Amino acid sequence: MVIAKRYSGEKFRAWLRQSGILQLTAAEALGISKITINRICNDAQMPGDALKHRIWIFTAGAVEPNDWFNLDPAQLAGGDQGSGIRDQHAQAPQPLGAAA
C-alpha cells in the first residue's frame, strides 16, 4: 500500500524564501489571506485545485500542482508484496459508510 504524507507546503515555502517574496505579498498576488498562505506553507491546510494552479502560475512552474503530494519514490516502484500505486487503485473505492 502506498502511503502519502499528508501534503507539503515545503517546496512553496522554500521558493518564497529563495525568491525573497513575503507571504503577505504572495497572498495578495494569489487573492488569499495571509493566514491561508501561512497555513499552506506550514502544512495546516491543503490548497484546492484552483489555488494549486494559481500557485503554479505565480511561481512560473517552479511549484507544480503535483508537488503537494509527497509520495515516496521507493513505494511508487512497488515491491514483491504488490505495494505499488497501481495495486492501490486496482480495487474500486467503497462507498462511504460501507463495510470494508
C-alpha atoms as a PDB file:
ATOM      1  CA  MET A   1       0.000   0.000   0.000  1.00  0.00           C
ATOM      2  CA  VAL A   2       1.288   3.468  -0.864  1.00  0.00           C
ATOM      3  CA  ILE A   3       1.020   5.912   1.970  1.00  0.00           C
ATOM      4  CA  ALA A   4       1.252   9.556   1.033  1.00  0.00           C
ATOM      5  CA  LYS A   5       2.432  12.126   3.504  1.00  0.00           C
ATOM      6  CA  ARG A   6      -0.475  14.466   4.060  1.00  0.00           C
ATOM      7  CA  TYR A   7       0.765  17.246   1.826  1.00  0.00           C
ATOM      8  CA  SER A   8       3.692  19.580   1.696  1.00  0.00           C
ATOM      9  CA  GLY A   9       3.992  23.315   1.505  1.00  0.00           C
ATOM     10  CA  GLU A  10       7.762  22.969   1.965  1.00  0.00           C
ATOM     11  CA  LYS A  11       8.605  23.496  -1.699  1.00  0.00           C
ATOM     12  CA  PHE A  12       6.372  26.562  -1.928  1.00  0.00           C
ATOM     13  CA  ARG A  13       7.755  27.978   1.346  1.00  0.00           C
ATOM     14  CA  ALA A  14      11.327  27.386   0.095  1.00  0.00           C
ATOM     15  CA  TRP A  15      10.506  29.027  -3.238  1.00  0.00           C
ATOM     16  CA  LEU A  16       9.111  32.096  -1.459  1.00  0.00           C
ATOM     17  CA  ARG A  17      12.279  32.384   0.642  1.00  0.00           C
ATOM     18  CA  GLN A  18      14.597  31.879  -2.347  1.00  0.00           C
ATOM     19  CA  SER A  19      12.672  34.454  -4.338  1.00  0.00           C
ATOM     20  CA  GLY A  20      12.636  36.956  -1.476  1.00  0.00           C
ATOM     21  CA  ILE A  21       8.835  37.134  -1.579  1.00  0.00           C
ATOM     22  CA  LEU A  22       6.952  37.714   1.662  1.00  0.00           C
ATOM     23  CA  GLN A  23       3.942  35.542   2.446  1.00  0.00           C
ATOM     24  CA  LEU A  24       1.817  38.713   2.544  1.00  0.00           C
ATOM     25  CA  THR A  25       2.929  39.674  -0.970  1.00  0.00           C
ATOM     26  CA  ALA A  26       2.222  36.158  -2.266  1.00  0.00           C
ATOM     27  CA  ALA A  27      -1.163  36.098  -0.540  1.00  0.00           C
ATOM     28  CA  GLU A  28      -2.181  39.357  -2.171  1.00  0.00           C
ATOM     29  CA  ALA A  29      -0.996  38.175  -5.604  1.00  0.00           C
ATOM     30  CA  LEU A  30      -2.892  34.880  -5.213  1.00  0.00           C
ATOM     31  CA  GLY A  31      -6.049  36.523  -3.869  1.00  0.00           C
ATOM     32  CA  ILE A  32      -5.978  34.745  -0.498  1.00  0.00           C
ATOM     33  CA  SER A  33      -5.412  35.836   3.088  1.00  0.00           C
ATOM     34  CA  LYS A  34      -2.019  35.809   4.791  1.00  0.00           C
ATOM     35  CA  ILE A  35      -3.460  33.336   7.284  1.00  0.00           C
ATOM     36  CA  THR A  36      -4.339  30.945   4.450  1.00  0.00           C
ATOM     37  CA  ILE A  37      -0.895  31.167   2.854  1.00  0.00           C
ATOM     38  CA  ASN A  38       0.739  30.645   6.243  1.00  0.00           C
ATOM     39  CA  ARG A  39      -1.375  27.541   6.829  1.00  0.00           C
ATOM     40  CA  ILE A  40      -0.465  26.210   3.381  1.00  0.00           C
ATOM     41  CA  CYS A  41       3.261  26.811   3.934  1.00  0.00           C
ATOM     42  CA  ASN A  42       3.092  25.104   7.328  1.00  0.00           C
ATOM     43  CA  ASP A  43       1.069  22.088   6.159  1.00  0.00           C
ATOM     44  CA  ALA A  44      -2.005  23.042   8.160  1.00  0.00           C
ATOM     45  CA  GLN A  45      -4.100  23.419   5.011  1.00  0.00           C
ATOM     46  CA  MET A  46      -4.043  21.869   1.552  1.00  0.00           C
ATOM     47  CA  PRO A  47      -4.691  24.291  -1.309  1.00  0.00           C
ATOM     48  CA  GLY A  48      -7.611  23.435  -3.557  1.00  0.00           C
ATOM     49  CA  ASP A  49      -7.092  22.632  -7.220  1.00  0.00           C
ATOM     50  CA  ALA A  50      -7.735  26.189  -8.413  1.00  0.00           C
ATOM     51  CA  LEU A  51      -5.257  27.612  -5.902  1.00  0.00           C
ATOM     52  CA  LYS A  52      -2.654  24.969  -6.794  1.00  0.00           C
ATOM     53  CA  HIS A  53      -2.994  26.146 -10.393  1.00  0.00           C
ATOM     54  CA  ARG A  54      -2.615  29.823  -9.386  1.00  0.00           C
ATOM     55  CA  ILE A  55       0.492  28.935  -7.329  1.00  0.00           C
ATOM     56  CA  TRP A  56       1.914  27.082 -10.327  1.00  0.00           C
ATOM     57  CA  ILE A  57       1.429  30.182 -12.487  1.00  0.00           C
ATOM     58  CA  PHE A  58       2.674  32.538  -9.716  1.00  0.00           C
ATOM     59  CA  THR A  59       5.887  30.511  -9.329  1.00  0.00           C
ATOM     60  CA  ALA A  60       6.360  30.245 -13.119  1.00  0.00           C
ATOM     61  CA  GLY A  61       6.133  26.472 -12.855  1.00  0.00           C
ATOM     62  CA  ALA A  62       8.619  26.042 -10.005  1.00  0.00           C
ATOM     63  CA  VAL A  63       5.867  24.645  -7.744  1.00  0.00           C
ATOM     64  CA  GLU A  64       3.639  22.259  -9.656  1.00  0.00           C
ATOM     65  CA  PRO A  65       0.197  21.028  -8.589  1.00  0.00           C
ATOM     66  CA  ASN A  66       1.605  17.521  -8.064  1.00  0.00           C
ATOM     67  CA  ASP A  67       4.216  18.861  -5.636  1.00  0.00           C
ATOM     68  CA  TRP A  68       1.551  18.923  -2.929  1.00  0.00           C
ATOM     69  CA  PHE A  69       1.579  15.137  -2.783  1.00  0.00           C
ATOM     70  CA  ASN A  70       4.780  13.709  -1.331  1.00  0.00           C
ATOM     71  CA  LEU A  71       4.902  10.088  -2.375  1.00  0.00           C
ATOM     72  CA  ASP A  72       7.985   8.067  -1.526  1.00  0.00           C
ATOM     73  CA  PRO A  73       9.539   7.074  -4.894  1.00  0.00           C
ATOM     74  CA  ALA A  74      10.521   3.684  -3.434  1.00  0.00           C
ATOM     75  CA  GLN A  75       6.884   2.998  -2.619  1.00  0.00           C
ATOM     76  CA  LEU A  76       5.809   4.006  -6.115  1.00  0.00           C
ATOM     77  CA  ALA A  77       8.160   1.406  -7.590  1.00  0.00           C
ATOM     78  CA  GLY A  78       6.270  -1.309  -5.775  1.00  0.00           C
ATOM     79  CA  GLY A  79       7.767  -4.448  -4.385  1.00  0.00           C
ATOM     80  CA  ASP A  80       7.336  -8.146  -4.017  1.00  0.00           C
ATOM     81  CA  GLN A  81       4.207  -7.646  -1.960  1.00  0.00           C
ATOM     82  CA  GLY A  82       2.247  -5.668  -4.521  1.00  0.00           C
ATOM     83  CA  SER A  83       2.723  -2.328  -2.825  1.00  0.00           C
ATOM     84  CA  GLY A  84       2.878  -0.211  -5.992  1.00  0.00           C
ATOM     85  CA  ILE A  85       0.496   2.612  -6.734  1.00  0.00           C
ATOM     86  CA  ARG A  86      -1.218   0.584  -9.451  1.00  0.00           C
ATOM     87  CA  ASP A  87      -2.157  -2.059  -6.902  1.00  0.00           C
ATOM     88  CA  GLN A  88      -3.623   0.593  -4.625  1.00  0.00           C
ATOM     89  CA  HIS A  89      -6.035   1.693  -7.341  1.00  0.00           C
ATOM     90  CA  ALA A  90      -6.819  -1.769  -8.682  1.00  0.00           C
ATOM     91  CA  GLN A  91      -9.896  -2.113  -6.482  1.00  0.00           C
ATOM     92  CA  ALA A  92     -12.933   0.102  -6.881  1.00  0.00           C
ATOM     93  CA  PRO A  93     -13.417   2.538  -3.993  1.00  0.00           C
ATOM     94  CA  GLN A  94     -16.023   1.601  -1.405  1.00  0.00           C
ATOM     95  CA  PRO A  95     -18.948   3.969  -0.822  1.00  0.00           C
ATOM     96  CA  LEU A  96     -18.759   5.979   2.379  1.00  0.00           C
ATOM     97  CA  GLY A  97     -20.122   4.053   5.322  1.00  0.00           C
ATOM     98  CA  ALA A  98     -19.771   0.671   3.585  1.00  0.00           C
ATOM     99  CA  ALA A  99     -18.184  -2.171   5.485  1.00  0.00           C
ATOM    100  CA  ALA A 100     -14.614  -2.839   4.376  1.00  0.00           C
END
